[in-house]
């Protein structure tokens, strides 16, 4: 019986970023015990109710012009105030698919997460430069860690 939810909100506009989102989801579901449901939602489809129902969240975005994707920014714009009071302390993690260095994207996400008072479970993954198949392993580990941590009650 599930009683915890891990929400993955990831923008995936390309084959590679879809692969990252799907790998995160699959690995999290494999590591989730009987108590954890893992849900994936694209940012433009995620509503405040989805965040309110979650016990932890993984954010995924591309780096667009040195900033997070417009889709993830839209998610934050719509969900920030409706979840602000009720979700303080929520465990979170993030990955950024950065063609450049990811610095601006990372700073923006960290700023918003700080304002929401969510708790980083680990430093955000910044997957820099040309596509590397190692990126998939990194997000799989992230998904497994978050789901297993929720199941064990340590996050």
C-alpha atoms as a PDB file:
ATOM      1  CA  UNK A   1       0.000   0.000   0.000  1.00  0.00           C
ATOM      2  CA  UNK A   2       1.495   3.335  -1.041  1.00  0.00           C
ATOM      3  CA  UNK A   3       1.367   6.258   1.302  1.00  0.00           C
ATOM      4  CA  UNK A   4       4.217   8.405  -0.050  1.00  0.00           C
ATOM      5  CA  UNK A   5       4.627  10.065  -3.420  1.00  0.00           C
ATOM      6  CA  UNK A   6       7.779  11.022  -5.283  1.00  0.00           C
ATOM      7  CA  UNK A   7       6.946  13.587  -7.964  1.00  0.00           C
ATOM      8  CA  UNK A   8       9.254  14.019 -10.952  1.00  0.00           C
ATOM      9  CA  UNK A   9       8.701  17.310 -12.799  1.00  0.00           C
ATOM     10  CA  UNK A  10      10.985  17.330 -15.814  1.00  0.00           C
ATOM     11  CA  UNK A  11      11.055  19.268 -19.062  1.00  0.00           C
ATOM     12  CA  UNK A  12      12.019  16.880 -21.864  1.00  0.00           C
ATOM     13  CA  UNK A  13      11.912  18.545 -25.299  1.00  0.00           C
ATOM     14  CA  UNK A  14      14.471  16.310 -27.048  1.00  0.00           C
ATOM     15  CA  UNK A  15      15.228  12.606 -27.391  1.00  0.00           C
ATOM     16  CA  UNK A  16      18.128  12.912 -24.942  1.00  0.00           C
ATOM     17  CA  UNK A  17      16.157  14.812 -22.299  1.00  0.00           C
ATOM     18  CA  UNK A  18      13.230  12.390 -22.684  1.00  0.00           C
ATOM     19  CA  UNK A  19      15.710   9.596 -22.080  1.00  0.00           C
ATOM     20  CA  UNK A  20      16.878  11.344 -18.899  1.00  0.00           C
ATOM     21  CA  UNK A  21      13.314  11.789 -17.608  1.00  0.00           C
ATOM     22  CA  UNK A  22      12.332   8.214 -18.472  1.00  0.00           C
ATOM     23  CA  UNK A  23      15.499   6.816 -16.882  1.00  0.00           C
ATOM     24  CA  UNK A  24      14.903   8.793 -13.705  1.00  0.00           C
ATOM     25  CA  UNK A  25      11.309   7.533 -13.571  1.00  0.00           C
ATOM     26  CA  UNK A  26      12.170   3.896 -14.303  1.00  0.00           C
ATOM     27  CA  UNK A  27      14.995   3.757 -11.773  1.00  0.00           C
ATOM     28  CA  UNK A  28      12.874   5.435  -9.102  1.00  0.00           C
ATOM     29  CA  UNK A  29      10.033   2.972  -9.673  1.00  0.00           C
ATOM     30  CA  UNK A  30      12.446   0.038  -9.459  1.00  0.00           C
ATOM     31  CA  UNK A  31      13.833   1.301  -6.147  1.00  0.00           C
ATOM     32  CA  UNK A  32      10.491   2.347  -4.676  1.00  0.00           C
ATOM     33  CA  UNK A  33       9.168   0.009  -2.066  1.00  0.00           C
ATOM     34  CA  UNK A  34       5.540  -0.761  -1.460  1.00  0.00           C
ATOM     35  CA  UNK A  35       5.037   2.568   0.293  1.00  0.00           C
ATOM     36  CA  UNK A  36       6.154   4.885  -2.525  1.00  0.00           C
ATOM     37  CA  UNK A  37       4.326   5.858  -5.698  1.00  0.00           C
ATOM     38  CA  UNK A  38       6.493   7.553  -8.336  1.00  0.00           C
ATOM     39  CA  UNK A  39       4.701  10.040 -10.592  1.00  0.00           C
ATOM     40  CA  UNK A  40       6.113  11.859 -13.625  1.00  0.00           C
ATOM     41  CA  UNK A  41       4.537  15.097 -14.888  1.00  0.00           C
ATOM     42  CA  UNK A  42       5.802  17.525 -17.512  1.00  0.00           C
ATOM     43  CA  UNK A  43       6.117  21.021 -15.978  1.00  0.00           C
ATOM     44  CA  UNK A  44       3.304  22.515 -18.065  1.00  0.00           C
ATOM     45  CA  UNK A  45       0.913  19.802 -16.845  1.00  0.00           C
ATOM     46  CA  UNK A  46       1.894  19.930 -13.173  1.00  0.00           C
ATOM     47  CA  UNK A  47      -0.585  21.651 -10.895  1.00  0.00           C
ATOM     48  CA  UNK A  48      -0.227  22.866  -7.314  1.00  0.00           C
ATOM     49  CA  UNK A  49      -2.351  19.887  -6.205  1.00  0.00           C
ATOM     50  CA  UNK A  50       0.316  17.540  -7.602  1.00  0.00           C
ATOM     51  CA  UNK A  51       2.986  19.223  -5.494  1.00  0.00           C
ATOM     52  CA  UNK A  52       0.748  19.294  -2.424  1.00  0.00           C
ATOM     53  CA  UNK A  53       0.222  15.524  -2.798  1.00  0.00           C
ATOM     54  CA  UNK A  54       3.976  14.841  -3.057  1.00  0.00           C
ATOM     55  CA  UNK A  55       6.346  13.910  -0.250  1.00  0.00           C
ATOM     56  CA  UNK A  56       9.491  14.628  -2.312  1.00  0.00           C
ATOM     57  CA  UNK A  57      10.245  16.103  -5.726  1.00  0.00           C
ATOM     58  CA  UNK A  58      12.855  15.781  -8.456  1.00  0.00           C
ATOM     59  CA  UNK A  59      13.115  18.693 -10.880  1.00  0.00           C
ATOM     60  CA  UNK A  60      14.588  18.289 -14.345  1.00  0.00           C
ATOM     61  CA  UNK A  61      15.302  21.021 -16.860  1.00  0.00           C
ATOM     62  CA  UNK A  62      17.308  22.020 -19.847  1.00  0.00           C
ATOM     63  CA  UNK A  63      19.544  25.062 -19.803  1.00  0.00           C
ATOM     64  CA  UNK A  64      17.992  27.626 -22.139  1.00  0.00           C
ATOM     65  CA  UNK A  65      19.955  30.809 -22.758  1.00  0.00           C
ATOM     66  CA  UNK A  66      21.687  30.403 -19.408  1.00  0.00           C
ATOM     67  CA  UNK A  67      18.429  29.871 -17.507  1.00  0.00           C
ATOM     68  CA  UNK A  68      15.977  27.080 -16.708  1.00  0.00           C
ATOM     69  CA  UNK A  69      13.457  26.070 -19.348  1.00  0.00           C
ATOM     70  CA  UNK A  70      10.429  28.298 -19.752  1.00  0.00           C
ATOM     71  CA  UNK A  71       8.278  25.261 -18.923  1.00  0.00           C
ATOM     72  CA  UNK A  72       9.928  24.775 -15.512  1.00  0.00           C
ATOM     73  CA  UNK A  73       9.746  28.518 -14.835  1.00  0.00           C
ATOM     74  CA  UNK A  74       6.023  28.386 -15.678  1.00  0.00           C
ATOM     75  CA  UNK A  75       5.638  25.500 -13.196  1.00  0.00           C
ATOM     76  CA  UNK A  76       7.267  27.588 -10.472  1.00  0.00           C
ATOM     77  CA  UNK A  77       5.200  30.670 -11.384  1.00  0.00           C
ATOM     78  CA  UNK A  78       1.926  28.742 -11.063  1.00  0.00           C
ATOM     79  CA  UNK A  79       2.795  26.593  -8.059  1.00  0.00           C
ATOM     80  CA  UNK A  80       4.998  28.782  -5.855  1.00  0.00           C
ATOM     81  CA  UNK A  81       2.429  30.579  -3.723  1.00  0.00           C
ATOM     82  CA  UNK A  82      -0.206  27.802  -3.605  1.00  0.00           C
ATOM     83  CA  UNK A  83       2.353  25.374  -2.091  1.00  0.00           C
ATOM     84  CA  UNK A  84       4.610  27.768  -0.170  1.00  0.00           C
ATOM     85  CA  UNK A  85       3.166  27.330   3.325  1.00  0.00           C
ATOM     86  CA  UNK A  86       2.248  23.650   3.188  1.00  0.00           C
ATOM     87  CA  UNK A  87       5.364  22.175   1.555  1.00  0.00           C
ATOM     88  CA  UNK A  88       8.160  23.799   3.549  1.00  0.00           C
ATOM     89  CA  UNK A  89      10.909  21.277   4.203  1.00  0.00           C
ATOM     90  CA  UNK A  90       9.925  19.026   1.293  1.00  0.00           C
ATOM     91  CA  UNK A  91      12.928  16.959   0.153  1.00  0.00           C
ATOM     92  CA  UNK A  92      14.027  17.896  -3.363  1.00  0.00           C
ATOM     93  CA  UNK A  93      16.683  17.182  -5.927  1.00  0.00           C
ATOM     94  CA  UNK A  94      17.327  18.421  -9.454  1.00  0.00           C
ATOM     95  CA  UNK A  95      19.172  17.716 -12.638  1.00  0.00           C
ATOM     96  CA  UNK A  96      20.077  20.246 -15.310  1.00  0.00           C
ATOM     97  CA  UNK A  97      20.949  19.252 -18.873  1.00  0.00           C
ATOM     98  CA  UNK A  98      23.367  22.063 -19.645  1.00  0.00           C
ATOM     99  CA  UNK A  99      24.889  22.567 -23.061  1.00  0.00           C
ATOM    100  CA  UNK A 100      27.075  25.283 -21.551  1.00  0.00           C
ATOM    101  CA  UNK A 101      28.021  25.449 -17.861  1.00  0.00           C
ATOM    102  CA  UNK A 102      24.592  25.474 -16.164  1.00  0.00           C
ATOM    103  CA  UNK A 103      25.596  28.206 -13.716  1.00  0.00           C
ATOM    104  CA  UNK A 104      22.655  30.559 -14.339  1.00  0.00           C
ATOM    105  CA  UNK A 105      20.151  27.719 -14.380  1.00  0.00           C
ATOM    106  CA  UNK A 106      21.520  26.294 -11.152  1.00  0.00           C
ATOM    107  CA  UNK A 107      21.476  29.686  -9.425  1.00  0.00           C
ATOM    108  CA  UNK A 108      17.870  30.353 -10.482  1.00  0.00           C
ATOM    109  CA  UNK A 109      16.584  26.966  -9.313  1.00  0.00           C
ATOM    110  CA  UNK A 110      18.475  27.210  -6.028  1.00  0.00           C
ATOM    111  CA  UNK A 111      17.020  30.674  -5.433  1.00  0.00           C
ATOM    112  CA  UNK A 112      13.439  29.510  -5.986  1.00  0.00           C
ATOM    113  CA  UNK A 113      13.905  26.348  -3.911  1.00  0.00           C
ATOM    114  CA  UNK A 114      15.363  28.479  -1.102  1.00  0.00           C
ATOM    115  CA  UNK A 115      12.294  30.713  -1.244  1.00  0.00           C
ATOM    116  CA  UNK A 116      10.021  27.663  -1.092  1.00  0.00           C
ATOM    117  CA  UNK A 117      12.070  26.414   1.875  1.00  0.00           C
ATOM    118  CA  UNK A 118      12.437  22.963   0.319  1.00  0.00           C
ATOM    119  CA  UNK A 119      15.347  20.825   1.528  1.00  0.00           C
ATOM    120  CA  UNK A 120      18.033  19.723  -0.894  1.00  0.00           C
ATOM    121  CA  UNK A 121      18.720  16.014  -0.511  1.00  0.00           C
ATOM    122  CA  UNK A 122      21.902  16.388  -2.568  1.00  0.00           C
ATOM    123  CA  UNK A 123      23.554  19.017  -4.716  1.00  0.00           C
ATOM    124  CA  UNK A 124      21.782  19.412  -8.076  1.00  0.00           C
ATOM    125  CA  UNK A 125      23.307  17.414 -10.916  1.00  0.00           C
ATOM    126  CA  UNK A 126      24.617  19.634 -13.694  1.00  0.00           C
ATOM    127  CA  UNK A 127      25.046  17.492 -16.795  1.00  0.00           C
ATOM    128  CA  UNK A 128      27.384  19.734 -18.814  1.00  0.00           C
ATOM    129  CA  UNK A 129      28.566  19.830 -22.370  1.00  0.00           C
ATOM    130  CA  UNK A 130      28.118  17.349 -25.196  1.00  0.00           C
ATOM    131  CA  UNK A 131      25.767  14.424 -24.601  1.00  0.00           C
ATOM    132  CA  UNK A 132      27.373  11.684 -22.514  1.00  0.00           C
ATOM    133  CA  UNK A 133      25.728   8.327 -21.813  1.00  0.00           C
ATOM    134  CA  UNK A 134      27.060   8.698 -18.255  1.00  0.00           C
ATOM    135  CA  UNK A 135      24.344  11.312 -17.719  1.00  0.00           C
ATOM    136  CA  UNK A 136      21.785   8.494 -17.749  1.00  0.00           C
ATOM    137  CA  UNK A 137      23.569   6.636 -14.939  1.00  0.00           C
ATOM    138  CA  UNK A 138      23.666   9.815 -12.858  1.00  0.00           C
ATOM    139  CA  UNK A 139      19.922  10.453 -13.108  1.00  0.00           C
ATOM    140  CA  UNK A 140      19.169   6.780 -12.503  1.00  0.00           C
ATOM    141  CA  UNK A 141      21.146   6.951  -9.263  1.00  0.00           C
ATOM    142  CA  UNK A 142      19.291  10.110  -8.329  1.00  0.00           C
ATOM    143  CA  UNK A 143      15.907   8.473  -8.934  1.00  0.00           C
ATOM    144  CA  UNK A 144      16.877   5.349  -6.992  1.00  0.00           C
ATOM    145  CA  UNK A 145      18.249   7.361  -4.089  1.00  0.00           C
ATOM    146  CA  UNK A 146      15.154   9.533  -3.773  1.00  0.00           C
ATOM    147  CA  UNK A 147      12.679   6.631  -3.997  1.00  0.00           C
ATOM    148  CA  UNK A 148      14.626   4.362  -1.650  1.00  0.00           C
ATOM    149  CA  UNK A 149      15.139   7.229   0.797  1.00  0.00           C
ATOM    150  CA  UNK A 150      11.422   7.953   0.882  1.00  0.00           C
ATOM    151  CA  UNK A 151      10.622   4.250   1.292  1.00  0.00           C
ATOM    152  CA  UNK A 152      13.088   3.928   4.175  1.00  0.00           C
ATOM    153  CA  UNK A 153      11.820   7.118   5.814  1.00  0.00           C
ATOM    154  CA  UNK A 154      15.217   8.818   5.761  1.00  0.00           C
ATOM    155  CA  UNK A 155      14.142  11.693   3.532  1.00  0.00           C
END
